[in-house]
Amino acid sequence: MRTTLDFSDHLLKRAKFAAFKRGVTLRELVSNALKHELASSVQPAKKFRRVRFPIVASKSPGELHLTQTGMMALELEGESRRSGFSL
């Protein structure tokens, strides 16, 4: 397959010189460089973890009006329960 790539003059000269020193064609040098780059950048797919949201009980279901202070108090309460401390 053929394609056209635009390189800076300086980069192209360096690539041609590197190909000459290695005894390969410019096409082989670029092809090998792409293969190497693509092989090293492949990462295994990340597994998704299920996220659990905190559940906040309400005295009147369907409504929950909390201030920032109230939220902080609930967070501290939950953290203390999870760590085995009680407030």
N, C-alpha and C. Protein backbone atom coordinates (compact mmCIF):
# COMPACT_ATOMS: atom_id res chain seq x y z
N MET A 1 0.85 -1.16 0.00
CA MET A 1 0.00 0.00 0.00
C MET A 1 0.91 1.24 0.00
N ARG A 2 0.53 2.23 -0.73
CA ARG A 2 1.32 3.46 -0.81
C ARG A 2 0.61 4.56 -0.03
N THR A 3 1.42 5.43 0.53
CA THR A 3 0.88 6.61 1.21
C THR A 3 1.92 7.72 1.11
N THR A 4 1.49 8.92 1.41
CA THR A 4 2.39 10.06 1.38
C THR A 4 2.49 10.62 2.79
N LEU A 5 3.72 10.81 3.23
CA LEU A 5 3.97 11.39 4.55
C LEU A 5 4.80 12.65 4.39
N ASP A 6 4.54 13.64 5.21
CA ASP A 6 5.32 14.87 5.20
C ASP A 6 6.22 14.91 6.42
N PHE A 7 7.53 14.96 6.19
CA PHE A 7 8.51 15.08 7.25
C PHE A 7 9.27 16.38 7.07
N SER A 8 9.81 16.90 8.15
CA SER A 8 10.67 18.07 8.02
C SER A 8 11.94 17.63 7.28
N ASP A 9 12.58 18.56 6.61
CA ASP A 9 13.80 18.24 5.86
C ASP A 9 14.85 17.63 6.77
N HIS A 10 15.00 18.20 7.94
CA HIS A 10 16.02 17.73 8.88
C HIS A 10 15.73 16.28 9.30
N LEU A 11 14.48 15.97 9.62
CA LEU A 11 14.12 14.61 10.04
C LEU A 11 14.31 13.62 8.90
N LEU A 12 13.93 14.00 7.70
CA LEU A 12 14.09 13.11 6.56
C LEU A 12 15.56 12.83 6.28
N LYS A 13 16.42 13.83 6.39
CA LYS A 13 17.86 13.62 6.19
C LYS A 13 18.42 12.67 7.24
N ARG A 14 17.98 12.86 8.50
CA ARG A 14 18.45 11.97 9.57
C ARG A 14 17.98 10.54 9.32
N ALA A 15 16.74 10.38 8.88
CA ALA A 15 16.20 9.05 8.62
C ALA A 15 16.94 8.38 7.46
N LYS A 16 17.22 9.11 6.40
CA LYS A 16 17.95 8.55 5.27
C LYS A 16 19.35 8.13 5.70
N PHE A 17 20.00 8.95 6.51
CA PHE A 17 21.34 8.63 6.99
C PHE A 17 21.31 7.39 7.88
N ALA A 18 20.31 7.31 8.77
CA ALA A 18 20.18 6.14 9.65
C ALA A 18 19.93 4.88 8.83
N ALA A 19 19.10 4.97 7.80
CA ALA A 19 18.84 3.82 6.94
C ALA A 19 20.12 3.38 6.24
N PHE A 20 20.88 4.35 5.74
CA PHE A 20 22.14 4.05 5.06
C PHE A 20 23.11 3.34 6.01
N LYS A 21 23.23 3.87 7.23
CA LYS A 21 24.14 3.27 8.21
C LYS A 21 23.74 1.84 8.57
N ARG A 22 22.45 1.58 8.59
CA ARG A 22 21.95 0.24 8.95
C ARG A 22 21.90 -0.71 7.76
N GLY A 23 22.08 -0.16 6.58
CA GLY A 23 22.05 -1.00 5.38
C GLY A 23 20.66 -1.42 4.98
N VAL A 24 19.67 -0.57 5.26
CA VAL A 24 18.29 -0.85 4.88
C VAL A 24 17.75 0.32 4.06
N THR A 25 16.62 0.10 3.44
CA THR A 25 15.99 1.19 2.69
C THR A 25 15.24 2.09 3.66
N LEU A 26 14.94 3.29 3.18
CA LEU A 26 14.15 4.22 3.99
C LEU A 26 12.79 3.61 4.30
N ARG A 27 12.21 2.91 3.34
CA ARG A 27 10.91 2.25 3.54
C ARG A 27 11.00 1.23 4.67
N GLU A 28 12.06 0.42 4.70
CA GLU A 28 12.23 -0.57 5.76
C GLU A 28 12.42 0.10 7.12
N LEU A 29 13.20 1.17 7.15
CA LEU A 29 13.44 1.89 8.40
C LEU A 29 12.13 2.43 8.97
N VAL A 30 11.34 3.09 8.12
CA VAL A 30 10.08 3.67 8.58
C VAL A 30 9.10 2.57 8.97
N SER A 31 9.03 1.50 8.19
CA SER A 31 8.14 0.39 8.51
C SER A 31 8.49 -0.26 9.84
N ASN A 32 9.80 -0.50 10.05
CA ASN A 32 10.24 -1.10 11.32
C ASN A 32 9.98 -0.16 12.50
N ALA A 33 10.20 1.14 12.29
CA ALA A 33 9.95 2.11 13.36
C ALA A 33 8.46 2.13 13.73
N LEU A 34 7.58 2.08 12.73
CA LEU A 34 6.14 2.05 13.01
C LEU A 34 5.75 0.77 13.74
N LYS A 35 6.28 -0.37 13.28
CA LYS A 35 5.98 -1.64 13.95
C LYS A 35 6.41 -1.60 15.42
N HIS A 36 7.62 -1.10 15.64
CA HIS A 36 8.14 -1.02 17.01
C HIS A 36 7.27 -0.10 17.87
N GLU A 37 6.92 1.06 17.35
CA GLU A 37 6.11 2.03 18.10
C GLU A 37 4.73 1.46 18.41
N LEU A 38 4.10 0.83 17.43
CA LEU A 38 2.77 0.29 17.65
C LEU A 38 2.79 -0.89 18.60
N ALA A 39 3.83 -1.70 18.56
CA ALA A 39 3.93 -2.85 19.47
C ALA A 39 4.14 -2.40 20.90
N SER A 40 4.92 -1.34 21.08
CA SER A 40 5.20 -0.89 22.45
C SER A 40 4.06 -0.07 23.04
N SER A 41 3.19 0.46 22.20
CA SER A 41 2.11 1.30 22.73
C SER A 41 0.83 0.53 22.99
N VAL A 42 0.80 -0.76 22.63
CA VAL A 42 -0.39 -1.56 22.87
C VAL A 42 -0.47 -1.89 24.35
N GLN A 43 -1.58 -1.55 24.95
CA GLN A 43 -1.77 -1.82 26.38
C GLN A 43 -3.00 -2.71 26.53
N PRO A 44 -2.97 -3.59 27.51
CA PRO A 44 -4.15 -4.43 27.72
C PRO A 44 -5.37 -3.59 28.06
N ALA A 45 -6.51 -4.09 27.66
CA ALA A 45 -7.76 -3.38 27.94
C ALA A 45 -7.97 -3.30 29.44
N LYS A 46 -8.42 -2.14 29.89
CA LYS A 46 -8.66 -1.96 31.32
C LYS A 46 -10.01 -2.57 31.69
N LYS A 47 -10.02 -3.24 32.83
CA LYS A 47 -11.28 -3.79 33.33
C LYS A 47 -12.01 -2.69 34.06
N PHE A 48 -13.29 -2.63 33.85
CA PHE A 48 -14.10 -1.63 34.52
C PHE A 48 -14.49 -2.16 35.89
N ARG A 49 -14.36 -1.30 36.87
CA ARG A 49 -14.76 -1.67 38.22
C ARG A 49 -16.14 -1.09 38.49
N ARG A 50 -16.92 -1.81 39.21
CA ARG A 50 -18.23 -1.31 39.60
C ARG A 50 -18.04 -0.27 40.68
N VAL A 51 -18.66 0.86 40.51
CA VAL A 51 -18.55 1.96 41.46
C VAL A 51 -19.76 1.93 42.37
N ARG A 52 -19.51 2.00 43.67
CA ARG A 52 -20.62 2.02 44.63
C ARG A 52 -20.74 3.43 45.18
N PHE A 53 -21.89 3.98 45.04
CA PHE A 53 -22.15 5.32 45.53
C PHE A 53 -22.65 5.24 46.97
N PRO A 54 -22.31 6.23 47.77
CA PRO A 54 -22.81 6.21 49.15
C PRO A 54 -24.32 6.40 49.17
N ILE A 55 -24.97 5.69 50.06
CA ILE A 55 -26.42 5.83 50.20
C ILE A 55 -26.68 6.66 51.45
N VAL A 56 -27.48 7.69 51.29
CA VAL A 56 -27.79 8.59 52.39
C VAL A 56 -29.27 8.43 52.72
N ALA A 57 -29.54 8.09 53.96
CA ALA A 57 -30.92 7.91 54.40
C ALA A 57 -31.59 9.27 54.58
N SER A 58 -32.88 9.30 54.26
CA SER A 58 -33.64 10.54 54.40
C SER A 58 -34.83 10.29 55.31
N LYS A 59 -35.15 11.30 56.13
CA LYS A 59 -36.32 11.18 57.01
C LYS A 59 -37.60 11.26 56.22
N SER A 60 -37.57 11.95 55.10
CA SER A 60 -38.75 12.02 54.23
C SER A 60 -38.32 11.54 52.84
N PRO A 61 -38.60 10.26 52.53
CA PRO A 61 -38.16 9.68 51.26
C PRO A 61 -38.60 10.53 50.06
N GLY A 62 -37.70 10.59 49.09
CA GLY A 62 -38.00 11.38 47.90
C GLY A 62 -37.39 12.76 47.97
N GLU A 63 -37.03 13.21 49.15
CA GLU A 63 -36.43 14.53 49.32
C GLU A 63 -35.22 14.42 50.22
N LEU A 64 -34.21 15.14 49.88
CA LEU A 64 -33.04 15.18 50.72
C LEU A 64 -32.37 16.53 50.51
N HIS A 65 -32.45 17.37 51.49
CA HIS A 65 -31.85 18.71 51.42
C HIS A 65 -30.68 18.75 52.38
N LEU A 66 -29.50 18.79 51.83
CA LEU A 66 -28.30 18.81 52.66
C LEU A 66 -27.46 20.04 52.37
N THR A 67 -26.87 20.54 53.40
CA THR A 67 -25.92 21.63 53.25
C THR A 67 -24.54 21.00 53.11
N GLN A 68 -23.56 21.79 52.81
CA GLN A 68 -22.20 21.28 52.71
C GLN A 68 -21.75 20.72 54.05
N THR A 69 -22.12 21.38 55.11
CA THR A 69 -21.77 20.90 56.45
C THR A 69 -22.44 19.56 56.73
N GLY A 70 -23.69 19.43 56.32
CA GLY A 70 -24.42 18.17 56.51
C GLY A 70 -23.78 17.03 55.74
N MET A 71 -23.33 17.32 54.50
CA MET A 71 -22.67 16.29 53.70
C MET A 71 -21.36 15.86 54.35
N MET A 72 -20.60 16.84 54.85
CA MET A 72 -19.34 16.52 55.50
C MET A 72 -19.57 15.65 56.73
N ALA A 73 -20.62 15.95 57.48
CA ALA A 73 -20.93 15.16 58.67
C ALA A 73 -21.29 13.72 58.29
N LEU A 74 -22.07 13.56 57.22
CA LEU A 74 -22.44 12.22 56.77
C LEU A 74 -21.21 11.45 56.28
N GLU A 75 -20.30 12.13 55.57
CA GLU A 75 -19.09 11.48 55.10
C GLU A 75 -18.24 11.01 56.28
N LEU A 76 -18.10 11.86 57.28
CA LEU A 76 -17.32 11.48 58.47
C LEU A 76 -17.96 10.30 59.19
N GLU A 77 -19.28 10.32 59.28
CA GLU A 77 -20.00 9.23 59.93
C GLU A 77 -19.77 7.92 59.20
N GLY A 78 -19.87 7.97 57.86
CA GLY A 78 -19.64 6.77 57.07
C GLY A 78 -18.22 6.26 57.18
N GLU A 79 -17.27 7.16 57.14
CA GLU A 79 -15.87 6.76 57.27
C GLU A 79 -15.59 6.14 58.63
N SER A 80 -16.19 6.72 59.66
CA SER A 80 -15.94 6.18 61.01
C SER A 80 -16.58 4.79 61.14
N ARG A 81 -17.75 4.59 60.53
CA ARG A 81 -18.38 3.26 60.56
C ARG A 81 -17.53 2.24 59.83
N ARG A 82 -17.00 2.62 58.67
CA ARG A 82 -16.18 1.68 57.89
C ARG A 82 -14.89 1.34 58.61
N SER A 83 -14.35 2.28 59.37
CA SER A 83 -13.08 2.02 60.06
C SER A 83 -13.28 1.40 61.44
N GLY A 84 -14.54 1.26 61.88
CA GLY A 84 -14.80 0.62 63.15
C GLY A 84 -14.91 1.57 64.33
N PHE A 85 -14.84 2.86 64.08
CA PHE A 85 -15.00 3.86 65.15
C PHE A 85 -16.43 4.36 65.16
N SER A 86 -16.86 4.84 66.28
CA SER A 86 -18.19 5.43 66.34
C SER A 86 -18.08 6.85 66.87
N LEU A 87 -18.90 7.72 66.31
CA LEU A 87 -18.87 9.11 66.74
C LEU A 87 -19.83 9.36 67.87
